[in-house]
Amino acid sequence: MGKNNIANRQAMCDVLIEEGKKNPAITVLTSDSRGSASLAPFAKELPTQLVEVGIAEQNIVSIAAGLAHMGKRPFVASPACFLSMRSIEQIKVDVAYSNKNVKLVGISGGVSYGALGMSHHSLQDIAVARAIPNLQVLLPADRFETIQMFKALAASNEPAYIRLGRNPVEDCYDSADYPFEIGKAIELRSGQDVALLATGETVRQALDAAELLERQGITATVLNVHSLKPFDSETVKRVAKETGTVITVEEHSRYNGLGAAVAETLAEETGIRQKIIAFPDEALITGSSSELFAHYGLDGASIAKTAVAFLGA
């Protein structure tokens, strides 16, 4: 595959323009974030279907809930670090509890704003969103999955939180022409020795690790868990039993993310070893996303090294 220069947020914008032209009820709300969300083309193409709220993350969620109550199909795009923390009461009450069809898109998620430090990292968003009833939690792996996911979201009537990163991600798929369903994990590689379960932008890192492990005679299953809620427990149990060893990889705190969801799923299973690769419970060093991934062991080479050590333990 060639190098990809298209960020997931750009792929999101393309889908929203396409779907917005077909359905005028689709409305995009931004919090002074149309540039950082790559939504300027949407504003140009469909200006009457975009609402600029300004830097008011709590208000944007409540406004979106009100629009949904009136029959609109709102997509909120706001930095994940603010949307998932500052607006959490509005998300819980106005969207999830009130069962309003609002799609909450946390842009520049994880450590996308790496150099800006802890105030701009969103490493607790999945933990919080997972715990709110009636709220889907989704993370696309690459631009092609972003296309698939947002087409599904445009047709869905369920409240959802979706996390997107900031920078282009190397492709995990050859195209958007593959079966996709919210709540169904996708097996990208099949192996016998270890199962690497990843979500969002760490899926590419897991694939890179699997390729490195193969050179050492270790075959790895790679499972793309794009849906943290609804969670595909059946597939997770299957790949865990097939390999006996599970390693989860996530751009999130090690608490209450993918690793926790897998541990909850496998708690009553026997004979399966599990390791969680995630960010530690501390304020992270300052650096770019790639530097932080390498420093904390989330890049492909580090994942492969961890897998070798864990298998040999």
C-alpha atoms as a PDB file:
ATOM      1  CA  MET A   1       0.000   0.000   0.000  1.00  0.00           C
ATOM      2  CA  GLY A   2       1.199   3.501  -0.771  1.00  0.00           C
ATOM      3  CA  LYS A   3       1.523   6.212   1.846  1.00  0.00           C
ATOM      4  CA  ASN A   4      -1.830   7.695   2.799  1.00  0.00           C
ATOM      5  CA  ASN A   5      -2.200  11.470   3.054  1.00  0.00           C
ATOM      6  CA  ILE A   6      -5.940  11.537   3.810  1.00  0.00           C
ATOM      7  CA  ALA A   7      -6.884  11.968   7.467  1.00  0.00           C
ATOM      8  CA  ASN A   8      -9.953  10.206   8.849  1.00  0.00           C
ATOM      9  CA  ARG A   9     -11.600  13.576   9.517  1.00  0.00           C
ATOM     10  CA  GLN A  10     -11.356  14.393   5.818  1.00  0.00           C
ATOM     11  CA  ALA A  11     -12.992  11.079   4.949  1.00  0.00           C
ATOM     12  CA  MET A  12     -15.744  11.921   7.451  1.00  0.00           C
ATOM     13  CA  CYS A  13     -16.368  15.258   5.733  1.00  0.00           C
ATOM     14  CA  ASP A  14     -16.648  13.607   2.322  1.00  0.00           C
ATOM     15  CA  VAL A  15     -19.285  11.170   3.605  1.00  0.00           C
ATOM     16  CA  LEU A  16     -21.247  13.886   5.402  1.00  0.00           C
ATOM     17  CA  ILE A  17     -21.371  15.995   2.227  1.00  0.00           C
ATOM     18  CA  GLU A  18     -22.573  12.994   0.221  1.00  0.00           C
ATOM     19  CA  GLU A  19     -25.183  11.988   2.789  1.00  0.00           C
ATOM     20  CA  GLY A  20     -26.166  15.586   3.521  1.00  0.00           C
ATOM     21  CA  LYS A  21     -27.039  16.195  -0.111  1.00  0.00           C
ATOM     22  CA  LYS A  22     -29.332  13.180  -0.028  1.00  0.00           C
ATOM     23  CA  ASN A  23     -30.899  14.029   3.327  1.00  0.00           C
ATOM     24  CA  PRO A  24     -31.310  17.704   4.330  1.00  0.00           C
ATOM     25  CA  ALA A  25     -32.042  16.629   7.910  1.00  0.00           C
ATOM     26  CA  ILE A  26     -28.334  15.865   8.370  1.00  0.00           C
ATOM     27  CA  THR A  27     -26.905  18.847  10.239  1.00  0.00           C
ATOM     28  CA  VAL A  28     -23.318  19.423  11.337  1.00  0.00           C
ATOM     29  CA  LEU A  29     -22.533  21.453  14.465  1.00  0.00           C
ATOM     30  CA  THR A  30     -19.042  22.810  15.181  1.00  0.00           C
ATOM     31  CA  SER A  31     -17.492  24.549  18.175  1.00  0.00           C
ATOM     32  CA  ASP A  32     -15.162  26.880  16.278  1.00  0.00           C
ATOM     33  CA  SER A  33     -13.793  23.598  14.916  1.00  0.00           C
ATOM     34  CA  ARG A  34     -14.756  23.399  11.238  1.00  0.00           C
ATOM     35  CA  GLY A  35     -11.097  23.839  10.274  1.00  0.00           C
ATOM     36  CA  SER A  36      -9.653  21.322  12.727  1.00  0.00           C
ATOM     37  CA  ALA A  37     -12.460  18.893  11.852  1.00  0.00           C
ATOM     38  CA  SER A  38     -11.830  19.352   8.081  1.00  0.00           C
ATOM     39  CA  LEU A  39     -15.451  20.435   7.697  1.00  0.00           C
ATOM     40  CA  ALA A  40     -14.873  23.656   5.752  1.00  0.00           C
ATOM     41  CA  PRO A  41     -15.873  21.881   2.503  1.00  0.00           C
ATOM     42  CA  PHE A  42     -19.167  20.846   4.138  1.00  0.00           C
ATOM     43  CA  ALA A  43     -19.833  24.468   5.128  1.00  0.00           C
ATOM     44  CA  LYS A  44     -19.147  25.573   1.561  1.00  0.00           C
ATOM     45  CA  GLU A  45     -21.289  22.879  -0.069  1.00  0.00           C
ATOM     46  CA  LEU A  46     -24.167  22.851   2.437  1.00  0.00           C
ATOM     47  CA  PRO A  47     -24.051  26.144   4.368  1.00  0.00           C
ATOM     48  CA  THR A  48     -27.655  25.901   5.600  1.00  0.00           C
ATOM     49  CA  GLN A  49     -26.917  22.508   7.169  1.00  0.00           C
ATOM     50  CA  LEU A  50     -24.047  23.696   9.370  1.00  0.00           C
ATOM     51  CA  VAL A  51     -24.436  25.405  12.743  1.00  0.00           C
ATOM     52  CA  GLU A  52     -21.413  27.185  14.238  1.00  0.00           C
ATOM     53  CA  VAL A  53     -21.909  27.348  17.994  1.00  0.00           C
ATOM     54  CA  GLY A  54     -18.501  28.744  18.948  1.00  0.00           C
ATOM     55  CA  ILE A  55     -16.350  27.553  21.825  1.00  0.00           C
ATOM     56  CA  ALA A  56     -19.260  26.283  23.907  1.00  0.00           C
ATOM     57  CA  GLU A  57     -18.994  22.523  24.132  1.00  0.00           C
ATOM     58  CA  GLN A  58     -21.755  22.054  26.698  1.00  0.00           C
ATOM     59  CA  ASN A  59     -24.168  24.153  24.650  1.00  0.00           C
ATOM     60  CA  ILE A  60     -23.348  22.380  21.386  1.00  0.00           C
ATOM     61  CA  VAL A  61     -24.461  19.022  22.811  1.00  0.00           C
ATOM     62  CA  SER A  62     -27.727  20.403  24.176  1.00  0.00           C
ATOM     63  CA  ILE A  63     -28.435  22.269  20.918  1.00  0.00           C
ATOM     64  CA  ALA A  64     -27.807  19.057  18.965  1.00  0.00           C
ATOM     65  CA  ALA A  65     -30.194  17.163  21.246  1.00  0.00           C
ATOM     66  CA  GLY A  66     -32.850  19.799  20.631  1.00  0.00           C
ATOM     67  CA  LEU A  67     -32.344  19.597  16.871  1.00  0.00           C
ATOM     68  CA  ALA A  68     -32.641  15.806  17.039  1.00  0.00           C
ATOM     69  CA  HIS A  69     -35.893  16.184  18.994  1.00  0.00           C
ATOM     70  CA  MET A  70     -37.217  18.295  16.094  1.00  0.00           C
ATOM     71  CA  GLY A  71     -36.324  15.635  13.510  1.00  0.00           C
ATOM     72  CA  LYS A  72     -32.826  16.694  12.459  1.00  0.00           C
ATOM     73  CA  ARG A  73     -29.952  14.216  12.311  1.00  0.00           C
ATOM     74  CA  PRO A  74     -27.114  16.134  13.993  1.00  0.00           C
ATOM     75  CA  PHE A  75     -23.392  15.377  13.911  1.00  0.00           C
ATOM     76  CA  VAL A  76     -21.380  17.309  16.510  1.00  0.00           C
ATOM     77  CA  ALA A  77     -17.659  17.782  15.744  1.00  0.00           C
ATOM     78  CA  SER A  78     -15.530  19.089  18.599  1.00  0.00           C
ATOM     79  CA  PRO A  79     -12.090  18.268  20.078  1.00  0.00           C
ATOM     80  CA  ALA A  80     -12.377  14.993  21.966  1.00  0.00           C
ATOM     81  CA  CYS A  81     -10.534  16.337  25.006  1.00  0.00           C
ATOM     82  CA  PHE A  82     -13.262  18.957  25.567  1.00  0.00           C
ATOM     83  CA  LEU A  83     -16.304  17.152  24.187  1.00  0.00           C
ATOM     84  CA  SER A  84     -15.794  14.080  26.366  1.00  0.00           C
ATOM     85  CA  MET A  85     -14.959  15.939  29.596  1.00  0.00           C
ATOM     86  CA  ARG A  86     -16.578  19.385  29.632  1.00  0.00           C
ATOM     87  CA  SER A  87     -19.839  18.174  28.068  1.00  0.00           C
ATOM     88  CA  ILE A  88     -20.248  14.847  29.789  1.00  0.00           C
ATOM     89  CA  GLU A  89     -23.394  15.768  31.772  1.00  0.00           C
ATOM     90  CA  GLN A  90     -25.106  16.991  28.610  1.00  0.00           C
ATOM     91  CA  ILE A  91     -24.060  13.823  26.789  1.00  0.00           C
ATOM     92  CA  LYS A  92     -25.406  11.647  29.604  1.00  0.00           C
ATOM     93  CA  VAL A  93     -28.697  13.478  30.134  1.00  0.00           C
ATOM     94  CA  ASP A  94     -29.617  15.355  26.951  1.00  0.00           C
ATOM     95  CA  VAL A  95     -28.415  12.726  24.470  1.00  0.00           C
ATOM     96  CA  ALA A  96     -28.180   9.249  25.990  1.00  0.00           C
ATOM     97  CA  TYR A  97     -30.859   9.363  28.708  1.00  0.00           C
ATOM     98  CA  SER A  98     -33.205  11.313  26.423  1.00  0.00           C
ATOM     99  CA  ASN A  99     -32.428   8.859  23.586  1.00  0.00           C
ATOM    100  CA  LYS A 100     -31.741  11.540  20.983  1.00  0.00           C
ATOM    101  CA  ASN A 101     -30.182  10.654  17.645  1.00  0.00           C
ATOM    102  CA  VAL A 102     -26.990  12.683  18.082  1.00  0.00           C
ATOM    103  CA  LYS A 103     -23.613  11.623  16.750  1.00  0.00           C
ATOM    104  CA  LEU A 104     -20.815  13.049  18.907  1.00  0.00           C
ATOM    105  CA  VAL A 105     -17.534  13.144  16.997  1.00  0.00           C
ATOM    106  CA  GLY A 106     -14.481  13.684  19.170  1.00  0.00           C
ATOM    107  CA  ILE A 107     -11.838  14.989  16.782  1.00  0.00           C
ATOM    108  CA  SER A 108      -8.073  14.981  17.417  1.00  0.00           C
ATOM    109  CA  GLY A 109      -8.577  12.190  19.940  1.00  0.00           C
ATOM    110  CA  GLY A 110      -6.040  10.290  21.990  1.00  0.00           C
ATOM    111  CA  VAL A 111      -2.644  11.991  21.848  1.00  0.00           C
ATOM    112  CA  SER A 112      -3.228  13.748  18.517  1.00  0.00           C
ATOM    113  CA  TYR A 113      -2.455  17.043  20.290  1.00  0.00           C
ATOM    114  CA  GLY A 114       0.663  15.410  21.734  1.00  0.00           C
ATOM    115  CA  ALA A 115       2.804  18.518  22.077  1.00  0.00           C
ATOM    116  CA  LEU A 116       0.050  20.379  23.956  1.00  0.00           C
ATOM    117  CA  GLY A 117       0.173  17.928  26.849  1.00  0.00           C
ATOM    118  CA  MET A 118      -2.358  16.491  29.261  1.00  0.00           C
ATOM    119  CA  SER A 119      -4.912  19.309  28.954  1.00  0.00           C
ATOM    120  CA  HIS A 120      -5.396  18.388  25.284  1.00  0.00           C
ATOM    121  CA  HIS A 121      -5.012  14.605  25.486  1.00  0.00           C
ATOM    122  CA  SER A 122      -8.207  12.538  25.509  1.00  0.00           C
ATOM    123  CA  LEU A 123      -7.183   9.286  27.151  1.00  0.00           C
ATOM    124  CA  GLN A 124     -10.237   8.915  29.381  1.00  0.00           C
ATOM    125  CA  ASP A 125     -12.982   9.475  26.783  1.00  0.00           C
ATOM    126  CA  ILE A 126     -13.620   5.804  26.055  1.00  0.00           C
ATOM    127  CA  ALA A 127     -13.759   5.010  29.774  1.00  0.00           C
ATOM    128  CA  VAL A 128     -16.409   7.664  30.390  1.00  0.00           C
ATOM    129  CA  ALA A 129     -18.432   7.001  27.237  1.00  0.00           C
ATOM    130  CA  ARG A 130     -18.482   3.217  27.799  1.00  0.00           C
ATOM    131  CA  ALA A 131     -20.121   3.733  31.178  1.00  0.00           C
ATOM    132  CA  ILE A 132     -23.047   5.795  29.846  1.00  0.00           C
ATOM    133  CA  PRO A 133     -26.104   3.662  29.004  1.00  0.00           C
ATOM    134  CA  ASN A 134     -27.549   3.980  25.498  1.00  0.00           C
ATOM    135  CA  LEU A 135     -24.398   5.432  23.924  1.00  0.00           C
ATOM    136  CA  GLN A 136     -22.452   3.617  21.219  1.00  0.00           C
ATOM    137  CA  VAL A 137     -18.651   4.033  21.323  1.00  0.00           C
ATOM    138  CA  LEU A 138     -16.805   3.716  18.008  1.00  0.00           C
ATOM    139  CA  LEU A 139     -13.249   4.172  16.696  1.00  0.00           C
ATOM    140  CA  PRO A 140     -12.451   3.699  12.992  1.00  0.00           C
ATOM    141  CA  ALA A 141      -9.073   2.227  12.078  1.00  0.00           C
ATOM    142  CA  ASP A 142      -8.355   4.159   8.872  1.00  0.00           C
ATOM    143  CA  ARG A 143      -9.931   6.365   6.179  1.00  0.00           C
ATOM    144  CA  PHE A 144     -11.743   3.457   4.536  1.00  0.00           C
ATOM    145  CA  GLU A 145     -13.329   2.343   7.789  1.00  0.00           C
ATOM    146  CA  THR A 146     -14.230   5.970   8.509  1.00  0.00           C
ATOM    147  CA  ILE A 147     -16.170   6.005   5.241  1.00  0.00           C
ATOM    148  CA  GLN A 148     -17.977   2.787   6.136  1.00  0.00           C
ATOM    149  CA  MET A 149     -18.665   3.880   9.684  1.00  0.00           C
ATOM    150  CA  PHE A 150     -20.089   7.301   8.830  1.00  0.00           C
ATOM    151  CA  LYS A 151     -22.327   5.865   6.141  1.00  0.00           C
ATOM    152  CA  ALA A 152     -23.684   3.504   8.780  1.00  0.00           C
ATOM    153  CA  LEU A 153     -24.034   6.357  11.272  1.00  0.00           C
ATOM    154  CA  ALA A 154     -25.917   8.501   8.767  1.00  0.00           C
ATOM    155  CA  ALA A 155     -28.530   5.741   8.539  1.00  0.00           C
ATOM    156  CA  SER A 156     -28.545   4.920  12.261  1.00  0.00           C
ATOM    157  CA  ASN A 157     -30.949   6.292  14.857  1.00  0.00           C
ATOM    158  CA  GLU A 158     -28.724   5.474  17.849  1.00  0.00           C
ATOM    159  CA  PRO A 159     -26.790   8.001  19.976  1.00  0.00           C
ATOM    160  CA  ALA A 160     -23.059   7.521  19.474  1.00  0.00           C
ATOM    161  CA  TYR A 161     -19.631   8.825  20.456  1.00  0.00           C
ATOM    162  CA  ILE A 162     -17.001   8.466  17.731  1.00  0.00           C
ATOM    163  CA  ARG A 163     -13.325   9.223  18.233  1.00  0.00           C
ATOM    164  CA  LEU A 164     -11.158  10.374  15.311  1.00  0.00           C
ATOM    165  CA  GLY A 165      -7.470  11.222  15.269  1.00  0.00           C
ATOM    166  CA  ARG A 166      -5.876  14.270  13.682  1.00  0.00           C
ATOM    167  CA  ASN A 167      -3.245  12.969  11.287  1.00  0.00           C
ATOM    168  CA  PRO A 168      -3.436  10.566   8.323  1.00  0.00           C
ATOM    169  CA  VAL A 169      -3.179   6.886   9.274  1.00  0.00           C
ATOM    170  CA  GLU A 170      -1.573   4.251   7.087  1.00  0.00           C
ATOM    171  CA  ASP A 171      -4.260   2.127   5.453  1.00  0.00           C
ATOM    172  CA  CYS A 172      -5.470  -1.048   7.122  1.00  0.00           C
ATOM    173  CA  TYR A 173      -7.794  -1.863   4.216  1.00  0.00           C
ATOM    174  CA  ASP A 174      -7.305  -1.739   0.441  1.00  0.00           C
ATOM    175  CA  SER A 175     -10.622   0.049  -0.088  1.00  0.00           C
ATOM    176  CA  ALA A 176     -13.990   0.751   1.516  1.00  0.00           C
ATOM    177  CA  ASP A 177     -15.449  -2.249  -0.284  1.00  0.00           C
ATOM    178  CA  TYR A 178     -15.750  -4.732   2.581  1.00  0.00           C
ATOM    179  CA  PRO A 179     -18.516  -5.851   4.960  1.00  0.00           C
ATOM    180  CA  PHE A 180     -18.903  -3.455   7.890  1.00  0.00           C
ATOM    181  CA  GLU A 181     -21.375  -3.546  10.743  1.00  0.00           C
ATOM    182  CA  ILE A 182     -21.426  -1.546  13.949  1.00  0.00           C
ATOM    183  CA  GLY A 183     -20.834  -3.964  16.812  1.00  0.00           C
ATOM    184  CA  LYS A 184     -18.975  -6.584  14.742  1.00  0.00           C
ATOM    185  CA  ALA A 185     -15.183  -6.841  15.110  1.00  0.00           C
ATOM    186  CA  ILE A 186     -13.165  -7.625  11.980  1.00  0.00           C
ATOM    187  CA  GLU A 187     -10.378 -10.201  11.790  1.00  0.00           C
ATOM    188  CA  LEU A 188      -7.657  -8.698   9.588  1.00  0.00           C
ATOM    189  CA  ARG A 189      -5.072 -11.474  10.036  1.00  0.00           C
ATOM    190  CA  SER A 190      -5.302 -15.006  11.298  1.00  0.00           C
ATOM    191  CA  GLY A 191      -2.659 -16.671  13.455  1.00  0.00           C
ATOM    192  CA  GLN A 192      -2.162 -19.417  16.016  1.00  0.00           C
ATOM    193  CA  ASP A 193       0.248 -18.037  18.613  1.00  0.00           C
ATOM    194  CA  VAL A 194      -1.209 -14.744  19.849  1.00  0.00           C
ATOM    195  CA  ALA A 195      -4.212 -12.507  19.234  1.00  0.00           C
ATOM    196  CA  LEU A 196      -3.565  -8.768  18.932  1.00  0.00           C
ATOM    197  CA  LEU A 197      -6.763  -6.841  19.610  1.00  0.00           C
ATOM    198  CA  ALA A 198      -6.670  -3.164  18.719  1.00  0.00           C
ATOM    199  CA  THR A 199      -9.008  -0.238  18.205  1.00  0.00           C
ATOM    200  CA  GLY A 200      -8.825   3.018  16.286  1.00  0.00           C
ATOM    201  CA  GLU A 201      -5.416   4.147  15.123  1.00  0.00           C
ATOM    202  CA  THR A 202      -3.596   1.363  16.986  1.00  0.00           C
ATOM    203  CA  VAL A 203      -4.966  -1.192  14.508  1.00  0.00           C
ATOM    204  CA  ARG A 204      -2.268  -0.201  12.017  1.00  0.00           C
ATOM    205  CA  GLN A 205       0.360  -0.618  14.743  1.00  0.00           C
ATOM    206  CA  ALA A 206      -0.980  -4.106  15.528  1.00  0.00           C
ATOM    207  CA  LEU A 207      -0.764  -5.062  11.849  1.00  0.00           C
ATOM    208  CA  ASP A 208       2.834  -3.806  11.720  1.00  0.00           C
ATOM    209  CA  ALA A 209       3.629  -5.844  14.834  1.00  0.00           C
ATOM    210  CA  ALA A 210       2.087  -8.971  13.294  1.00  0.00           C
ATOM    211  CA  GLU A 211       4.309  -8.589  10.233  1.00  0.00           C
ATOM    212  CA  LEU A 212       7.397  -8.269  12.451  1.00  0.00           C
ATOM    213  CA  LEU A 213       6.369 -11.298  14.514  1.00  0.00           C
ATOM    214  CA  GLU A 214       5.889 -13.375  11.377  1.00  0.00           C
ATOM    215  CA  ARG A 215       9.563 -12.857  10.527  1.00  0.00           C
ATOM    216  CA  GLN A 216      10.355 -14.492  13.870  1.00  0.00           C
ATOM    217  CA  GLY A 217       8.109 -17.471  13.207  1.00  0.00           C
ATOM    218  CA  ILE A 218       5.238 -16.215  15.374  1.00  0.00           C
ATOM    219  CA  THR A 219       1.793 -16.014  13.780  1.00  0.00           C
ATOM    220  CA  ALA A 220      -0.621 -13.425  15.145  1.00  0.00           C
ATOM    221  CA  THR A 221      -4.324 -12.870  14.724  1.00  0.00           C
ATOM    222  CA  VAL A 222      -5.164  -9.168  14.396  1.00  0.00           C
ATOM    223  CA  LEU A 223      -8.691  -8.208  15.428  1.00  0.00           C
ATOM    224  CA  ASN A 224      -9.985  -4.727  14.664  1.00  0.00           C
ATOM    225  CA  VAL A 225     -12.383  -3.887  17.493  1.00  0.00           C
ATOM    226  CA  HIS A 226     -13.875  -0.722  15.996  1.00  0.00           C
ATOM    227  CA  SER A 227     -16.915  -0.914  18.282  1.00  0.00           C
ATOM    228  CA  LEU A 228     -16.247  -0.670  22.002  1.00  0.00           C
ATOM    229  CA  LYS A 229     -19.997  -0.508  22.523  1.00  0.00           C
ATOM    230  CA  PRO A 230     -21.821  -2.536  21.333  1.00  0.00           C
ATOM    231  CA  PHE A 231     -18.978  -4.963  22.003  1.00  0.00           C
ATOM    232  CA  ASP A 232     -18.423  -8.132  19.975  1.00  0.00           C
ATOM    233  CA  SER A 233     -17.866 -10.537  22.875  1.00  0.00           C
ATOM    234  CA  GLU A 234     -18.463 -13.592  20.698  1.00  0.00           C
ATOM    235  CA  THR A 235     -15.594 -12.876  18.305  1.00  0.00           C
ATOM    236  CA  VAL A 236     -13.274 -11.803  21.123  1.00  0.00           C
ATOM    237  CA  LYS A 237     -13.893 -15.095  22.930  1.00  0.00           C
ATOM    238  CA  ARG A 238     -13.324 -17.064  19.737  1.00  0.00           C
ATOM    239  CA  VAL A 239      -9.914 -15.572  18.877  1.00  0.00           C
ATOM    240  CA  ALA A 240      -8.857 -15.749  22.530  1.00  0.00           C
ATOM    241  CA  LYS A 241      -9.648 -19.461  22.718  1.00  0.00           C
ATOM    242  CA  GLU A 242      -7.963 -20.141  19.382  1.00  0.00           C
ATOM    243  CA  THR A 243      -4.634 -18.622  20.491  1.00  0.00           C
ATOM    244  CA  GLY A 244      -4.743 -18.808  24.290  1.00  0.00           C
ATOM    245  CA  THR A 245      -2.901 -15.482  24.490  1.00  0.00           C
ATOM    246  CA  VAL A 246      -4.430 -12.030  24.030  1.00  0.00           C
ATOM    247  CA  ILE A 247      -2.693  -8.666  23.869  1.00  0.00           C
ATOM    248  CA  THR A 248      -4.834  -5.529  23.627  1.00  0.00           C
ATOM    249  CA  VAL A 249      -3.493  -2.280  22.191  1.00  0.00           C
ATOM    250  CA  GLU A 250      -5.182   1.087  22.630  1.00  0.00           C
ATOM    251  CA  GLU A 251      -4.486   4.821  22.511  1.00  0.00           C
ATOM    252  CA  HIS A 252      -6.128   5.310  25.885  1.00  0.00           C
ATOM    253  CA  SER A 253      -5.537   4.994  29.593  1.00  0.00           C
ATOM    254  CA  ARG A 254      -5.098   1.393  30.626  1.00  0.00           C
ATOM    255  CA  TYR A 255      -8.244   1.816  32.729  1.00  0.00           C
ATOM    256  CA  ASN A 256     -11.719   1.025  31.351  1.00  0.00           C
ATOM    257  CA  GLY A 257     -10.847   0.989  27.656  1.00  0.00           C
ATOM    258  CA  LEU A 258     -10.416  -1.893  25.229  1.00  0.00           C
ATOM    259  CA  GLY A 259      -8.231  -3.901  27.610  1.00  0.00           C
ATOM    260  CA  ALA A 260     -10.846  -3.658  30.337  1.00  0.00           C
ATOM    261  CA  ALA A 261     -13.647  -4.615  27.948  1.00  0.00           C
ATOM    262  CA  VAL A 262     -11.703  -7.707  26.883  1.00  0.00           C
ATOM    263  CA  ALA A 263     -10.846  -8.598  30.500  1.00  0.00           C
ATOM    264  CA  GLU A 264     -14.532  -8.319  31.441  1.00  0.00           C
ATOM    265  CA  THR A 265     -15.419 -10.581  28.520  1.00  0.00           C
ATOM    266  CA  LEU A 266     -12.797 -13.208  29.371  1.00  0.00           C
ATOM    267  CA  ALA A 267     -13.179 -13.089  33.156  1.00  0.00           C
ATOM    268  CA  GLU A 268     -15.061 -16.382  33.269  1.00  0.00           C
ATOM    269  CA  GLU A 269     -12.914 -18.127  30.673  1.00  0.00           C
ATOM    270  CA  THR A 270     -10.007 -20.358  31.713  1.00  0.00           C
ATOM    271  CA  GLY A 271      -6.576 -20.909  30.222  1.00  0.00           C
ATOM    272  CA  ILE A 272      -6.294 -17.520  28.474  1.00  0.00           C
ATOM    273  CA  ARG A 273      -3.454 -15.098  29.244  1.00  0.00           C
ATOM    274  CA  GLN A 274      -3.994 -11.383  28.659  1.00  0.00           C
ATOM    275  CA  LYS A 275      -1.783  -8.316  28.555  1.00  0.00           C
ATOM    276  CA  ILE A 276      -2.868  -4.684  28.145  1.00  0.00           C
ATOM    277  CA  ILE A 277      -0.747  -2.244  26.142  1.00  0.00           C
ATOM    278  CA  ALA A 278      -1.995   1.288  26.775  1.00  0.00           C
ATOM    279  CA  PHE A 279      -0.873   4.600  28.204  1.00  0.00           C
ATOM    280  CA  PRO A 280       0.052   4.578  31.903  1.00  0.00           C
ATOM    281  CA  ASP A 281      -1.888   6.325  34.658  1.00  0.00           C
ATOM    282  CA  GLU A 282       0.257   9.457  34.674  1.00  0.00           C
ATOM    283  CA  ALA A 283       0.743  12.794  32.941  1.00  0.00           C
ATOM    284  CA  LEU A 284       2.525  11.898  29.697  1.00  0.00           C
ATOM    285  CA  ILE A 285       5.698  13.409  28.335  1.00  0.00           C
ATOM    286  CA  THR A 286       5.389  16.067  25.645  1.00  0.00           C
ATOM    287  CA  GLY A 287       5.938  15.027  22.044  1.00  0.00           C
ATOM    288  CA  SER A 288       4.333  14.165  18.735  1.00  0.00           C
ATOM    289  CA  SER A 289       1.904  11.261  18.435  1.00  0.00           C
ATOM    290  CA  SER A 290       4.544   9.007  16.912  1.00  0.00           C
ATOM    291  CA  GLU A 291       7.052   9.922  19.617  1.00  0.00           C
ATOM    292  CA  LEU A 292       4.526   9.149  22.348  1.00  0.00           C
ATOM    293  CA  PHE A 293       3.566   5.847  20.729  1.00  0.00           C
ATOM    294  CA  ALA A 294       7.229   4.807  20.580  1.00  0.00           C
ATOM    295  CA  HIS A 295       8.054   6.033  24.094  1.00  0.00           C
ATOM    296  CA  TYR A 296       5.149   4.191  25.719  1.00  0.00           C
ATOM    297  CA  GLY A 297       5.393   1.011  23.660  1.00  0.00           C
ATOM    298  CA  LEU A 298       2.409   1.404  21.329  1.00  0.00           C
ATOM    299  CA  ASP A 299       4.246   1.378  17.998  1.00  0.00           C
ATOM    300  CA  GLY A 300       4.554  -1.776  15.902  1.00  0.00           C
ATOM    301  CA  ALA A 301       8.127  -2.601  16.906  1.00  0.00           C
ATOM    302  CA  SER A 302       7.389  -2.199  20.618  1.00  0.00           C
ATOM    303  CA  ILE A 303       4.208  -4.278  20.414  1.00  0.00           C
ATOM    304  CA  ALA A 304       6.120  -7.081  18.692  1.00  0.00           C
ATOM    305  CA  LYS A 305       8.842  -6.955  21.351  1.00  0.00           C
ATOM    306  CA  THR A 306       6.249  -7.086  24.134  1.00  0.00           C
ATOM    307  CA  ALA A 307       4.505 -10.021  22.461  1.00  0.00           C
ATOM    308  CA  VAL A 308       7.739 -12.009  22.184  1.00  0.00           C
ATOM    309  CA  ALA A 309       8.540 -11.404  25.855  1.00  0.00           C
ATOM    310  CA  PHE A 310       4.996 -12.257  26.970  1.00  0.00           C
ATOM    311  CA  LEU A 311       4.903 -15.463  24.953  1.00  0.00           C
ATOM    312  CA  GLY A 312       8.226 -16.498  26.455  1.00  0.00           C
ATOM    313  CA  ALA A 313       7.230 -15.706  30.021  1.00  0.00           C
END
